[in-house]
Amino acid sequence: MAKAIHREEVQQLLRQGGQLVEVLPQRQFREIHIAGAINIPLRSLNQKTVANLRRDKPVITYCYDYQ
């Protein structure tokens, strides 16, 4: 279930083994990303691309939109 969360909750989830997925385009991800994040570009997000994510741990998706 998707919901918006704040920085403190993100940090807590990561300490508990949460998975951080940045949905930025690959070029942007290569330029700058949060340490430990994996990249699955939003346009590529589907059942196949998320198959390697652990289903027993929280998944946090993040996209920095500077516009």
Foldseek 3Di string as FASTA:
>chain_A
DDDDDDPVVVVVLVVVVEAEEEQDPPVVVVVDDDPRHHYDHPVRDDCVVCVPPDPVGHYHYDYDDPD
